[in-house]
Amino acid sequence: MTNLPEKIYTEQDLARAKTQANVVGWAQGAGVVLGGAILWNLLGWIPLALGLGAAGWLLYKMVSRPKGDDGE
């Protein structure tokens, strides 16, 4: 038994996969923006701004944690 791939992909296959990944990424981004705009309209800007601020603060706290912090 060898570790060879089952199928050899051509440059055209790889280019098509990259293009499809880009299209999916743009569609996801557009969906997030559209969903955010609809949510902004439904909730109003104050609760949404507070929620985004809280989420940003939590994300900052998680990312800025020291590397050696293991809870002790």
N, C-alpha and C. Protein backbone atom coordinates (compact mmCIF):
# COMPACT_ATOMS: atom_id res chain seq x y z
N MET A 1 0.84 -1.17 0.00
CA MET A 1 0.00 0.00 0.00
C MET A 1 0.89 1.24 0.00
N THR A 2 0.58 2.20 -0.87
CA THR A 2 1.40 3.41 -0.97
C THR A 2 0.59 4.63 -0.56
N ASN A 3 1.28 5.73 -0.39
CA ASN A 3 0.64 6.98 0.00
C ASN A 3 0.34 7.87 -1.20
N LEU A 4 0.24 7.30 -2.37
CA LEU A 4 -0.05 8.10 -3.56
C LEU A 4 -1.52 8.51 -3.57
N PRO A 5 -1.80 9.71 -4.09
CA PRO A 5 -3.20 10.14 -4.17
C PRO A 5 -3.98 9.28 -5.16
N GLU A 6 -5.27 9.19 -4.93
CA GLU A 6 -6.09 8.38 -5.82
C GLU A 6 -6.22 9.02 -7.20
N LYS A 7 -6.19 10.36 -7.23
CA LYS A 7 -6.35 11.05 -8.49
C LYS A 7 -5.31 12.16 -8.57
N ILE A 8 -4.75 12.34 -9.73
CA ILE A 8 -3.81 13.43 -9.97
C ILE A 8 -4.62 14.61 -10.50
N TYR A 9 -4.50 15.75 -9.83
CA TYR A 9 -5.26 16.93 -10.23
C TYR A 9 -4.43 17.78 -11.18
N THR A 10 -5.08 18.29 -12.20
CA THR A 10 -4.40 19.13 -13.19
C THR A 10 -4.41 20.58 -12.70
N GLU A 11 -3.63 21.42 -13.38
CA GLU A 11 -3.60 22.85 -13.05
C GLU A 11 -4.99 23.46 -13.27
N GLN A 12 -5.70 22.98 -14.26
CA GLN A 12 -7.06 23.48 -14.53
C GLN A 12 -8.00 23.13 -13.37
N ASP A 13 -7.87 21.92 -12.82
CA ASP A 13 -8.68 21.52 -11.68
C ASP A 13 -8.40 22.42 -10.47
N LEU A 14 -7.12 22.70 -10.23
CA LEU A 14 -6.73 23.55 -9.11
C LEU A 14 -7.24 24.97 -9.30
N ALA A 15 -7.13 25.50 -10.51
CA ALA A 15 -7.61 26.86 -10.79
C ALA A 15 -9.11 26.94 -10.60
N ARG A 16 -9.84 25.91 -11.04
CA ARG A 16 -11.30 25.89 -10.88
C ARG A 16 -11.67 25.83 -9.40
N ALA A 17 -10.95 25.04 -8.63
CA ALA A 17 -11.23 24.94 -7.19
C ALA A 17 -10.96 26.27 -6.49
N LYS A 18 -9.88 26.96 -6.86
CA LYS A 18 -9.59 28.27 -6.26
C LYS A 18 -10.67 29.28 -6.61
N THR A 19 -11.10 29.27 -7.86
CA THR A 19 -12.16 30.20 -8.28
C THR A 19 -13.45 29.93 -7.53
N GLN A 20 -13.81 28.67 -7.40
CA GLN A 20 -15.03 28.32 -6.67
C GLN A 20 -14.91 28.71 -5.20
N ALA A 21 -13.74 28.55 -4.60
CA ALA A 21 -13.55 28.94 -3.21
C ALA A 21 -13.69 30.45 -3.05
N ASN A 22 -13.17 31.21 -4.01
CA ASN A 22 -13.32 32.67 -3.97
C ASN A 22 -14.78 33.09 -4.09
N VAL A 23 -15.51 32.45 -4.98
CA VAL A 23 -16.93 32.77 -5.16
C VAL A 23 -17.72 32.45 -3.90
N VAL A 24 -17.43 31.31 -3.29
CA VAL A 24 -18.12 30.94 -2.04
C VAL A 24 -17.78 31.95 -0.94
N GLY A 25 -16.53 32.37 -0.86
CA GLY A 25 -16.12 33.36 0.14
C GLY A 25 -16.84 34.68 -0.05
N TRP A 26 -16.93 35.14 -1.29
CA TRP A 26 -17.64 36.39 -1.56
C TRP A 26 -19.12 36.26 -1.23
N ALA A 27 -19.72 35.11 -1.54
CA ALA A 27 -21.13 34.90 -1.23
C ALA A 27 -21.36 34.88 0.28
N GLN A 28 -20.47 34.25 1.02
CA GLN A 28 -20.59 34.23 2.48
C GLN A 28 -20.45 35.64 3.05
N GLY A 29 -19.49 36.39 2.55
CA GLY A 29 -19.31 37.76 3.01
C GLY A 29 -20.52 38.62 2.72
N ALA A 30 -21.08 38.47 1.53
CA ALA A 30 -22.28 39.23 1.17
C ALA A 30 -23.45 38.84 2.07
N GLY A 31 -23.55 37.55 2.39
CA GLY A 31 -24.62 37.09 3.27
C GLY A 31 -24.50 37.67 4.67
N VAL A 32 -23.26 37.74 5.17
CA VAL A 32 -23.04 38.31 6.51
C VAL A 32 -23.40 39.79 6.51
N VAL A 33 -23.00 40.52 5.48
CA VAL A 33 -23.31 41.95 5.40
C VAL A 33 -24.81 42.16 5.28
N LEU A 34 -25.46 41.38 4.45
CA LEU A 34 -26.91 41.51 4.29
C LEU A 34 -27.64 41.15 5.57
N GLY A 35 -27.22 40.06 6.22
CA GLY A 35 -27.83 39.67 7.49
C GLY A 35 -27.61 40.74 8.56
N GLY A 36 -26.41 41.32 8.60
CA GLY A 36 -26.15 42.39 9.55
C GLY A 36 -27.01 43.60 9.29
N ALA A 37 -27.21 43.94 8.02
CA ALA A 37 -28.05 45.09 7.67
C ALA A 37 -29.50 44.84 8.07
N ILE A 38 -29.98 43.63 7.84
CA ILE A 38 -31.37 43.31 8.23
C ILE A 38 -31.51 43.35 9.74
N LEU A 39 -30.55 42.78 10.44
CA LEU A 39 -30.57 42.80 11.89
C LEU A 39 -30.51 44.23 12.42
N TRP A 40 -29.69 45.06 11.81
CA TRP A 40 -29.57 46.47 12.18
C TRP A 40 -30.92 47.16 12.04
N ASN A 41 -31.62 46.86 10.94
CA ASN A 41 -32.94 47.46 10.71
C ASN A 41 -33.97 46.98 11.73
N LEU A 42 -33.92 45.70 12.06
CA LEU A 42 -34.92 45.15 12.97
C LEU A 42 -34.69 45.59 14.41
N LEU A 43 -33.45 45.59 14.85
CA LEU A 43 -33.15 45.88 16.25
C LEU A 43 -32.93 47.36 16.52
N GLY A 44 -32.51 48.07 15.54
CA GLY A 44 -32.10 49.44 15.78
C GLY A 44 -30.61 49.46 16.06
N TRP A 45 -30.02 50.60 16.04
CA TRP A 45 -28.57 50.66 16.11
C TRP A 45 -28.02 50.59 17.53
N ILE A 46 -28.76 50.96 18.54
CA ILE A 46 -28.21 50.98 19.89
C ILE A 46 -27.95 49.56 20.44
N PRO A 47 -28.94 48.66 20.46
CA PRO A 47 -28.64 47.31 20.97
C PRO A 47 -27.60 46.58 20.13
N LEU A 48 -27.64 46.78 18.82
CA LEU A 48 -26.68 46.11 17.96
C LEU A 48 -25.27 46.64 18.21
N ALA A 49 -25.13 47.94 18.37
CA ALA A 49 -23.82 48.52 18.64
C ALA A 49 -23.30 48.02 19.99
N LEU A 50 -24.15 47.91 20.98
CA LEU A 50 -23.74 47.39 22.28
C LEU A 50 -23.30 45.93 22.17
N GLY A 51 -24.07 45.14 21.43
CA GLY A 51 -23.72 43.74 21.24
C GLY A 51 -22.41 43.57 20.51
N LEU A 52 -22.20 44.35 19.45
CA LEU A 52 -20.95 44.27 18.71
C LEU A 52 -19.77 44.73 19.58
N GLY A 53 -20.01 45.75 20.39
CA GLY A 53 -18.96 46.21 21.29
C GLY A 53 -18.58 45.13 22.30
N ALA A 54 -19.59 44.47 22.86
CA ALA A 54 -19.33 43.40 23.83
C ALA A 54 -18.60 42.23 23.16
N ALA A 55 -19.02 41.87 21.96
CA ALA A 55 -18.36 40.77 21.24
C ALA A 55 -16.92 41.14 20.92
N GLY A 56 -16.70 42.38 20.51
CA GLY A 56 -15.33 42.84 20.22
C GLY A 56 -14.46 42.81 21.45
N TRP A 57 -15.01 43.23 22.59
CA TRP A 57 -14.26 43.22 23.85
C TRP A 57 -13.89 41.79 24.24
N LEU A 58 -14.85 40.87 24.13
CA LEU A 58 -14.57 39.47 24.46
C LEU A 58 -13.49 38.90 23.53
N LEU A 59 -13.59 39.21 22.25
CA LEU A 59 -12.60 38.73 21.30
C LEU A 59 -11.22 39.30 21.63
N TYR A 60 -11.17 40.57 21.98
CA TYR A 60 -9.91 41.19 22.36
C TYR A 60 -9.32 40.51 23.60
N LYS A 61 -10.15 40.22 24.59
CA LYS A 61 -9.68 39.58 25.81
C LYS A 61 -9.14 38.18 25.52
N MET A 62 -9.78 37.46 24.63
CA MET A 62 -9.33 36.11 24.29
C MET A 62 -8.01 36.15 23.51
N VAL A 63 -7.88 37.10 22.62
CA VAL A 63 -6.68 37.17 21.77
C VAL A 63 -5.50 37.74 22.54
N SER A 64 -5.74 38.69 23.45
CA SER A 64 -4.65 39.36 24.13
C SER A 64 -4.17 38.64 25.38
N ARG A 65 -4.68 37.45 25.64
CA ARG A 65 -4.26 36.68 26.80
C ARG A 65 -2.80 36.28 26.66
N PRO A 66 -2.01 36.34 27.73
CA PRO A 66 -0.59 35.94 27.63
C PRO A 66 -0.47 34.47 27.22
N LYS A 67 0.59 34.16 26.50
CA LYS A 67 0.78 32.80 25.99
C LYS A 67 0.98 31.78 27.11
N GLY A 68 1.63 32.15 28.21
CA GLY A 68 1.93 31.20 29.28
C GLY A 68 0.81 31.07 30.29
N ASP A 69 -0.32 31.74 30.07
CA ASP A 69 -1.42 31.71 31.04
C ASP A 69 -2.18 30.38 30.92
N ASP A 70 -2.03 29.53 31.96
CA ASP A 70 -2.73 28.25 31.94
C ASP A 70 -3.73 28.15 33.08
N GLY A 71 -4.12 29.27 33.66
CA GLY A 71 -5.16 29.27 34.66
C GLY A 71 -4.68 29.12 36.09
N GLU A 72 -3.39 29.01 36.31
CA GLU A 72 -2.87 28.83 37.67
C GLU A 72 -2.28 30.12 38.19
